[in-house]
Amino acid sequence: MKILSLFLLLFSVATTTFAQDEGARLTELCKNFSLQELEKGLNELQEQSTEEVKYKWLCTVNREIVDGYFEQVFELTKSVKHPEKEGTSTLYFNKVKLVSKDTSIIYFQITEQQAVKEDGRWVPFDQYLAHDADLQEFDKLKITYIYTYRIDLDMEALFEREIVYGTRCGYAGSEPLYRQKVNQLISTQDLQALIQWLKSPQVEIQLYAIDGILTLKEQGVYVEPWVLGLIETIGKKQGTAYTCSGCNHWNQPISEIVEQIKASH
C-alpha cells in the first residue's frame, strides 16, 4: 500500500511538473502578443521532438468574432515514451485560447487538460494556468462588438466546442440540443430570443438563430431590417463552424452554411 501511494504521489508530481513546464513555455511565447512568435515557437518545439519526447501542435479553432478579430485555439500535445513499457506513452495536453487581429494577439489564455472522476469515470476539463490582454486593443474589440451587435461581448462564450450546428446527428440521427431549442423558439414564435442568439459570440448559436429567424419571416412574422442586415454581416464572417450530419462532424465555412440556410428558405 505504501509503495502504491508513493507511486501515485510521484505520478501526480510528474504530471504537474510537465504541465507547468509547458504552460510556462506557452506563456513565454505569448508575452509579446505576437501571433507570429507563437507559431514560430510552436514550430521550433515540434522540431525539437525526439524518440522519447514528441511535440505536436494544431490550430483547432479559427473564426472571425467581429470585423477582423478572430477567435483561435492552438492545441499542444506532448507525448512522453514510457521507459519500460514498449509502445506506451503518456500524453499531456495544453491549449492557447486567444483573440487575434492581423498578426497581433489581443487576449490569450493558457490551459492544461486535467480530469476529474464523476460517476465512476474520468471526465477531462481545461484547467486555467495564465492569461493576459493588450488592454488598449481589447477595449477596441469590445467597442467594435457593441457597435455591431448592440450588446457587450461575453468572453465566457468564446472558445466553446461543445455546440454543433446540424439537423440530425449521430448514428441514431437525433437532433442536436440547440436544434431542439431553436425548434421550440420557432414553435412559440419567440423572435426576441432568436435575436439574442443572433448576437452571441458563438457562431453555431448564430447559425441556429439565422435559421429560426428566417423560418419566422416565412411564417409572416415581421423582422426589422437591421436584424436582416446583421444576418448578412454574419454571412460574411471568415472561418469555420462546427457542423454535423449523421455520424460525420466537420468544420465548414461559415459563409457556406449561411448561404445554405438562406437557400432553404
Protein backbone atom coordinates (compact mmCIF):
# COMPACT_ATOMS: atom_id res chain seq x y z
CA MET A 1 0.00 0.00 0.00
CA LYS A 2 2.85 2.41 0.86
CA ILE A 3 4.57 1.60 -2.46
CA LEU A 4 1.32 2.27 -4.37
CA SER A 5 0.77 5.56 -2.53
CA LEU A 6 4.33 6.63 -3.30
CA PHE A 7 3.86 5.77 -6.99
CA LEU A 8 0.65 7.82 -7.20
CA LEU A 9 2.35 10.74 -5.47
CA LEU A 10 5.33 10.63 -7.85
CA PHE A 11 2.99 10.31 -10.85
CA SER A 12 0.98 13.32 -9.68
CA VAL A 13 4.13 15.41 -9.16
CA ALA A 14 5.49 14.41 -12.59
CA THR A 15 2.21 15.25 -14.33
CA THR A 16 2.02 18.63 -12.61
CA THR A 17 5.65 19.37 -13.43
CA PHE A 18 5.20 18.57 -17.13
CA ALA A 19 2.05 20.72 -17.29
CA GLN A 20 3.74 23.61 -15.52
CA ASP A 21 6.76 23.39 -17.86
CA GLU A 22 4.62 23.56 -20.99
CA GLY A 23 2.30 26.16 -19.51
CA ALA A 24 5.23 28.43 -18.65
CA ARG A 25 6.72 27.90 -22.10
CA LEU A 26 3.46 28.81 -23.85
CA THR A 27 3.02 31.88 -21.65
CA GLU A 28 6.53 33.00 -22.62
CA LEU A 29 5.68 32.58 -26.31
CA CYS A 30 2.60 34.79 -25.93
CA LYS A 31 4.12 37.53 -23.75
CA ASN A 32 4.86 39.89 -26.67
CA PHE A 33 1.33 39.46 -28.07
CA SER A 34 2.74 38.34 -31.43
CA LEU A 35 0.92 35.60 -33.33
CA GLN A 36 3.99 35.04 -35.46
CA GLU A 37 6.20 34.49 -32.39
CA LEU A 38 3.71 31.98 -31.01
CA GLU A 39 3.55 29.98 -34.24
CA LYS A 40 7.34 30.13 -34.64
CA GLY A 41 7.83 28.89 -31.07
CA LEU A 42 5.37 26.03 -31.55
CA ASN A 43 7.13 25.00 -34.76
CA GLU A 44 10.51 25.05 -33.00
CA LEU A 45 9.12 22.97 -30.16
CA GLN A 46 7.76 20.42 -32.64
CA GLU A 47 11.12 20.28 -34.43
CA GLN A 48 12.85 19.52 -31.11
CA SER A 49 10.92 16.24 -30.77
CA THR A 50 12.95 13.13 -30.00
CA GLU A 51 12.12 9.43 -29.87
CA GLU A 52 11.45 9.80 -26.14
CA VAL A 53 9.51 13.10 -26.16
CA LYS A 54 7.40 14.24 -29.11
CA TYR A 55 5.54 17.53 -29.56
CA LYS A 56 2.71 18.24 -31.97
CA TRP A 57 0.55 21.34 -32.31
CA LEU A 58 -2.60 22.17 -34.23
CA CYS A 59 -4.90 25.16 -34.63
CA THR A 60 -8.35 23.64 -33.99
CA VAL A 61 -10.45 26.83 -33.95
CA ASN A 62 -10.01 29.79 -36.29
CA ARG A 63 -13.00 32.02 -36.93
CA GLU A 64 -13.97 35.65 -37.02
CA ILE A 65 -15.75 37.11 -34.00
CA VAL A 66 -16.36 40.56 -35.46
CA ASP A 67 -14.75 42.84 -38.05
CA GLY A 68 -11.28 41.28 -38.34
CA TYR A 69 -10.99 39.97 -34.76
CA PHE A 70 -10.51 36.21 -34.68
CA GLU A 71 -11.09 33.52 -32.07
CA GLN A 72 -8.36 30.86 -32.23
CA VAL A 73 -7.38 27.78 -30.24
CA PHE A 74 -3.91 26.22 -30.53
CA GLU A 75 -3.57 22.74 -29.03
CA LEU A 76 -0.16 21.37 -27.99
CA THR A 77 0.28 17.65 -27.35
CA LYS A 78 3.35 16.27 -25.57
CA SER A 79 3.95 12.52 -25.82
CA VAL A 80 6.45 11.02 -23.37
CA LYS A 81 7.58 7.49 -24.10
CA HIS A 82 7.38 5.06 -21.17
CA PRO A 83 10.94 3.99 -20.23
CA GLU A 84 9.96 0.37 -19.61
CA LYS A 85 6.66 -0.43 -21.39
CA GLU A 86 7.15 -0.91 -25.13
CA GLY A 87 4.76 1.11 -27.28
CA THR A 88 3.33 3.01 -24.31
CA SER A 89 3.40 6.80 -23.95
CA THR A 90 1.91 9.35 -21.58
CA LEU A 91 0.12 12.26 -23.23
CA TYR A 92 -0.07 15.84 -21.92
CA PHE A 93 -2.37 18.45 -23.45
CA ASN A 94 -2.17 22.24 -23.32
CA LYS A 95 -4.19 24.89 -25.12
CA VAL A 96 -3.62 28.50 -26.05
CA LYS A 97 -7.02 30.16 -26.41
CA LEU A 98 -6.69 33.59 -27.94
CA VAL A 99 -8.25 36.53 -29.73
CA SER A 100 -6.16 37.98 -32.55
CA LYS A 101 -6.28 40.75 -35.14
CA ASP A 102 -3.94 40.59 -38.12
CA THR A 103 -0.65 39.33 -36.61
CA SER A 104 -1.30 40.57 -33.06
CA ILE A 105 -2.67 38.70 -30.06
CA ILE A 106 -5.30 40.78 -28.26
CA TYR A 107 -6.03 38.31 -25.46
CA PHE A 108 -4.67 34.89 -24.55
CA GLN A 109 -5.43 32.18 -22.03
CA ILE A 110 -3.25 29.13 -21.30
CA THR A 111 -4.86 25.92 -20.05
CA GLU A 112 -3.85 22.32 -19.37
CA GLN A 113 -6.09 19.29 -19.64
CA GLN A 114 -6.86 17.55 -16.36
CA ALA A 115 -9.53 15.06 -15.37
CA VAL A 116 -11.99 14.66 -12.52
CA LYS A 117 -13.82 11.47 -11.60
CA GLU A 118 -17.59 11.69 -11.98
CA ASP A 119 -19.91 8.71 -11.52
CA GLY A 120 -17.00 6.30 -11.75
CA ARG A 121 -15.47 7.70 -14.94
CA TRP A 122 -12.78 10.26 -15.66
CA VAL A 123 -14.05 13.45 -17.30
CA PRO A 124 -11.46 15.79 -18.90
CA PHE A 125 -11.57 19.55 -18.38
CA ASP A 126 -9.34 22.54 -19.13
CA GLN A 127 -7.54 23.86 -16.05
CA TYR A 128 -6.71 27.56 -16.27
CA LEU A 129 -2.99 28.42 -15.92
CA ALA A 130 -2.49 32.03 -17.06
CA HIS A 131 -3.95 34.83 -19.14
CA ASP A 132 -3.16 38.36 -20.29
CA ALA A 133 -4.50 41.01 -22.64
CA ASP A 134 -3.41 44.03 -24.64
CA LEU A 135 -5.86 46.30 -22.81
CA GLN A 136 -5.92 49.07 -25.41
CA GLU A 137 -6.67 46.69 -28.28
CA PHE A 138 -9.03 44.66 -26.10
CA ASP A 139 -11.10 47.80 -25.47
CA LYS A 140 -11.29 48.37 -29.23
CA LEU A 141 -12.61 44.82 -29.66
CA LYS A 142 -15.34 45.40 -27.07
CA ILE A 143 -16.36 48.70 -28.69
CA THR A 144 -16.48 47.09 -32.13
CA TYR A 145 -18.64 44.27 -30.80
CA ILE A 146 -21.11 46.68 -29.18
CA TYR A 147 -21.27 48.76 -32.37
CA THR A 148 -22.04 45.66 -34.46
CA TYR A 149 -24.29 43.62 -32.17
CA ARG A 150 -25.74 46.25 -29.78
CA ILE A 151 -24.62 44.15 -26.80
CA ASP A 152 -21.48 43.62 -24.67
CA LEU A 153 -19.08 40.86 -25.71
CA ASP A 154 -19.45 37.79 -23.48
CA MET A 155 -15.91 36.43 -23.25
CA GLU A 156 -17.16 33.36 -21.36
CA ALA A 157 -18.96 32.24 -24.52
CA LEU A 158 -15.78 32.13 -26.60
CA PHE A 159 -13.66 29.01 -27.17
CA GLU A 160 -16.68 26.72 -26.71
CA ARG A 161 -16.55 23.48 -28.71
CA GLU A 162 -19.47 21.53 -27.31
CA ILE A 163 -22.20 23.04 -29.52
CA VAL A 164 -22.59 21.66 -33.02
CA TYR A 165 -24.75 23.02 -35.83
CA GLY A 166 -26.86 20.47 -37.69
CA THR A 167 -30.26 18.86 -38.15
CA ARG A 168 -29.77 15.16 -37.49
CA CYS A 169 -26.52 13.90 -35.97
CA GLY A 170 -25.04 10.69 -34.66
CA TYR A 171 -25.74 7.06 -35.52
CA ALA A 172 -29.38 7.38 -34.44
CA GLY A 173 -29.85 10.63 -36.35
CA SER A 174 -31.05 12.55 -33.30
CA GLU A 175 -31.45 16.33 -33.17
CA PRO A 176 -28.57 18.26 -31.52
CA LEU A 177 -29.54 20.05 -28.32
CA TYR A 178 -29.64 23.51 -29.89
CA ARG A 179 -31.70 22.25 -32.83
CA GLN A 180 -34.28 21.14 -30.28
CA LYS A 181 -34.08 24.54 -28.58
CA VAL A 182 -34.46 26.52 -31.80
CA ASN A 183 -37.44 24.40 -32.82
CA GLN A 184 -39.07 25.29 -29.51
CA LEU A 185 -38.44 29.02 -30.09
CA ILE A 186 -39.89 28.70 -33.59
CA SER A 187 -43.00 26.93 -32.27
CA THR A 188 -43.63 29.82 -29.82
CA GLN A 189 -42.54 32.43 -32.42
CA ASP A 190 -40.10 33.90 -29.89
CA LEU A 191 -38.35 36.31 -32.22
CA GLN A 192 -36.69 38.29 -29.42
CA ALA A 193 -34.95 35.20 -28.03
CA LEU A 194 -33.70 34.35 -31.52
CA ILE A 195 -32.36 37.90 -31.95
CA GLN A 196 -30.45 37.46 -28.67
CA TRP A 197 -28.96 34.26 -30.10
CA LEU A 198 -28.01 36.19 -33.23
CA LYS A 199 -25.84 38.44 -31.04
CA SER A 200 -23.97 35.50 -29.47
CA PRO A 201 -20.16 35.35 -29.84
CA GLN A 202 -20.57 31.67 -30.63
CA VAL A 203 -21.14 31.21 -34.33
CA GLU A 204 -23.00 27.87 -34.06
CA ILE A 205 -25.68 29.60 -31.97
CA GLN A 206 -25.79 32.45 -34.50
CA LEU A 207 -26.43 29.91 -37.26
CA TYR A 208 -29.36 28.37 -35.39
CA ALA A 209 -30.70 31.92 -34.86
CA ILE A 210 -30.48 32.70 -38.59
CA ASP A 211 -32.40 29.51 -39.41
CA GLY A 212 -35.03 30.33 -36.79
CA ILE A 213 -35.46 33.99 -37.77
CA LEU A 214 -35.80 33.21 -41.48
CA THR A 215 -38.35 30.50 -40.62
CA LEU A 216 -40.45 33.02 -38.66
CA LYS A 217 -40.15 35.51 -41.52
CA GLU A 218 -41.58 32.84 -43.84
CA GLN A 219 -44.44 32.41 -41.39
CA GLY A 220 -45.28 36.11 -41.71
CA VAL A 221 -43.54 37.43 -38.60
CA TYR A 222 -42.15 40.93 -39.22
CA VAL A 223 -38.35 41.07 -38.94
CA GLU A 224 -36.76 44.51 -38.71
CA PRO A 225 -34.28 45.47 -41.47
CA TRP A 226 -31.35 45.82 -39.03
CA VAL A 227 -31.81 42.18 -37.98
CA LEU A 228 -31.72 41.04 -41.60
CA GLY A 229 -28.65 43.25 -42.07
CA LEU A 230 -26.98 41.51 -39.14
CA ILE A 231 -27.64 38.15 -40.80
CA GLU A 232 -25.84 39.45 -43.89
CA THR A 233 -22.90 40.57 -41.71
CA ILE A 234 -22.63 37.13 -40.09
CA GLY A 235 -22.77 35.55 -43.55
CA LYS A 236 -19.56 37.39 -44.45
CA LYS A 237 -17.61 36.08 -41.45
CA GLN A 238 -14.35 34.32 -42.19
CA GLY A 239 -13.52 30.96 -40.65
CA THR A 240 -15.48 27.82 -39.89
CA ALA A 241 -18.25 26.49 -37.67
CA TYR A 242 -18.52 23.02 -36.14
CA THR A 243 -21.21 21.09 -38.03
CA CYS A 244 -22.64 17.60 -38.21
CA SER A 245 -24.70 15.38 -40.46
CA GLY A 246 -25.34 11.82 -39.38
CA CYS A 247 -22.12 10.39 -37.94
CA ASN A 248 -19.97 12.97 -39.71
CA HIS A 249 -18.67 16.03 -37.84
CA TRP A 250 -16.51 18.63 -39.54
CA ASN A 251 -15.57 22.31 -39.74
CA GLN A 252 -17.48 24.06 -42.53
CA PRO A 253 -17.02 27.64 -43.77
CA ILE A 254 -19.46 29.99 -42.04
CA SER A 255 -20.36 31.81 -45.26
CA GLU A 256 -21.18 28.48 -46.93
CA ILE A 257 -23.55 27.42 -44.12
CA VAL A 258 -25.35 30.78 -44.12
CA GLU A 259 -25.90 30.52 -47.89
CA GLN A 260 -27.32 27.01 -47.43
CA ILE A 261 -29.70 28.24 -44.71
CA LYS A 262 -30.86 31.16 -46.86
CA ALA A 263 -31.35 28.86 -49.86
CA SER A 264 -33.57 26.56 -47.77
CA HIS A 265 -35.92 29.47 -47.08
